Amino acid sequence: MIFTVQIKVMPLKDLLDPQGKAVMGGLQNLGLNNVSDVRIGKHIDLQIEAADKEAAKSAGEEAAKKLLANPVMEVFEVTIL
């Protein structure tokens, strides 16, 4: 079967997010002052052929660990659709 695997990669909470800070400044310049924080990440969809959902999730986690996320600076979350 083919599964859609979504991977969300976000910077660690303790790290400065310069892109998020730039977007925050832009939002404030537009008058959107009710936004208190912005974090920018990545959303990745993979089509994975696997025997079952668990195998597809394992393949997505392996892809994230080895290539898609930097564990020193980012965390990731894998979801099967």
Protein backbone atom coordinates (compact mmCIF):
# COMPACT_ATOMS: atom_id res chain seq x y z
CA MET A 1 0.00 0.00 0.00
CA ILE A 2 0.99 3.61 -0.46
CA PHE A 3 0.70 5.86 2.58
CA THR A 4 0.94 9.63 2.86
CA VAL A 5 3.40 10.47 5.61
CA GLN A 6 3.46 14.04 6.90
CA ILE A 7 6.53 15.28 8.70
CA LYS A 8 6.46 18.55 10.64
CA VAL A 9 9.89 19.95 11.49
CA MET A 10 10.17 22.84 13.95
CA PRO A 11 13.07 24.62 15.63
CA LEU A 12 13.69 23.69 19.25
CA LYS A 13 11.76 25.92 21.67
CA ASP A 14 14.96 27.11 23.35
CA LEU A 15 16.58 28.31 20.11
CA LEU A 16 16.18 31.72 18.54
CA ASP A 17 14.10 31.61 15.35
CA PRO A 18 15.32 34.57 13.22
CA GLN A 19 12.82 33.87 10.44
CA GLY A 20 9.99 33.79 12.97
CA LYS A 21 11.19 37.06 14.51
CA ALA A 22 11.25 38.70 11.06
CA VAL A 23 7.68 37.55 10.35
CA MET A 24 6.63 38.76 13.80
CA GLY A 25 8.01 42.21 13.01
CA GLY A 26 6.21 42.23 9.67
CA LEU A 27 2.91 41.29 11.31
CA GLN A 28 3.32 44.10 13.84
CA ASN A 29 4.06 46.53 11.01
CA LEU A 30 0.75 45.47 9.45
CA GLY A 31 -1.05 46.27 12.68
CA LEU A 32 -1.54 42.66 13.77
CA ASN A 33 -0.39 43.27 17.33
CA ASN A 34 -2.38 40.43 18.88
CA VAL A 35 0.17 37.81 17.67
CA SER A 36 2.50 36.97 20.56
CA ASP A 37 5.01 34.64 18.90
CA VAL A 38 5.90 33.17 15.50
CA ARG A 39 7.89 29.99 14.85
CA ILE A 40 8.69 28.98 11.27
CA GLY A 41 9.16 25.32 10.37
CA LYS A 42 8.87 22.87 7.50
CA HIS A 43 5.97 20.69 6.37
CA ILE A 44 6.99 17.68 4.27
CA ASP A 45 4.68 15.12 2.64
CA LEU A 46 6.10 11.77 1.55
CA GLN A 47 4.34 9.04 -0.41
CA ILE A 48 5.73 5.81 1.03
CA GLU A 49 5.00 2.28 -0.12
CA ALA A 50 4.86 0.00 2.91
CA ALA A 51 3.11 -3.11 4.20
CA ASP A 52 1.24 -1.22 6.94
CA LYS A 53 0.95 2.10 8.77
CA GLU A 54 3.66 1.24 11.30
CA ALA A 55 6.18 0.43 8.55
CA ALA A 56 5.31 3.68 6.76
CA LYS A 57 5.72 5.66 9.98
CA SER A 58 9.08 4.00 10.67
CA ALA A 59 10.27 4.90 7.16
CA GLY A 60 9.14 8.52 7.68
CA GLU A 61 10.92 8.69 11.04
CA GLU A 62 14.09 7.30 9.50
CA ALA A 63 13.94 9.90 6.69
CA ALA A 64 13.46 12.67 9.24
CA LYS A 65 16.31 11.47 11.47
CA LYS A 66 18.79 10.93 8.64
CA LEU A 67 18.00 13.84 6.32
CA LEU A 68 14.98 16.06 6.92
CA ALA A 69 15.60 17.34 10.46
CA ASN A 70 18.73 18.48 12.28
CA PRO A 71 18.42 16.96 15.78
CA VAL A 72 20.74 19.59 17.26
CA MET A 73 18.39 22.43 16.27
CA GLU A 74 15.02 20.88 15.36
CA VAL A 75 12.33 18.47 16.50
CA PHE A 76 10.03 16.54 14.20
CA GLU A 77 6.63 14.89 14.31
CA VAL A 78 5.50 12.13 11.91
CA THR A 79 1.83 11.57 11.07
CA ILE A 80 0.26 8.98 8.76
CA LEU A 81 -2.81 10.05 6.78
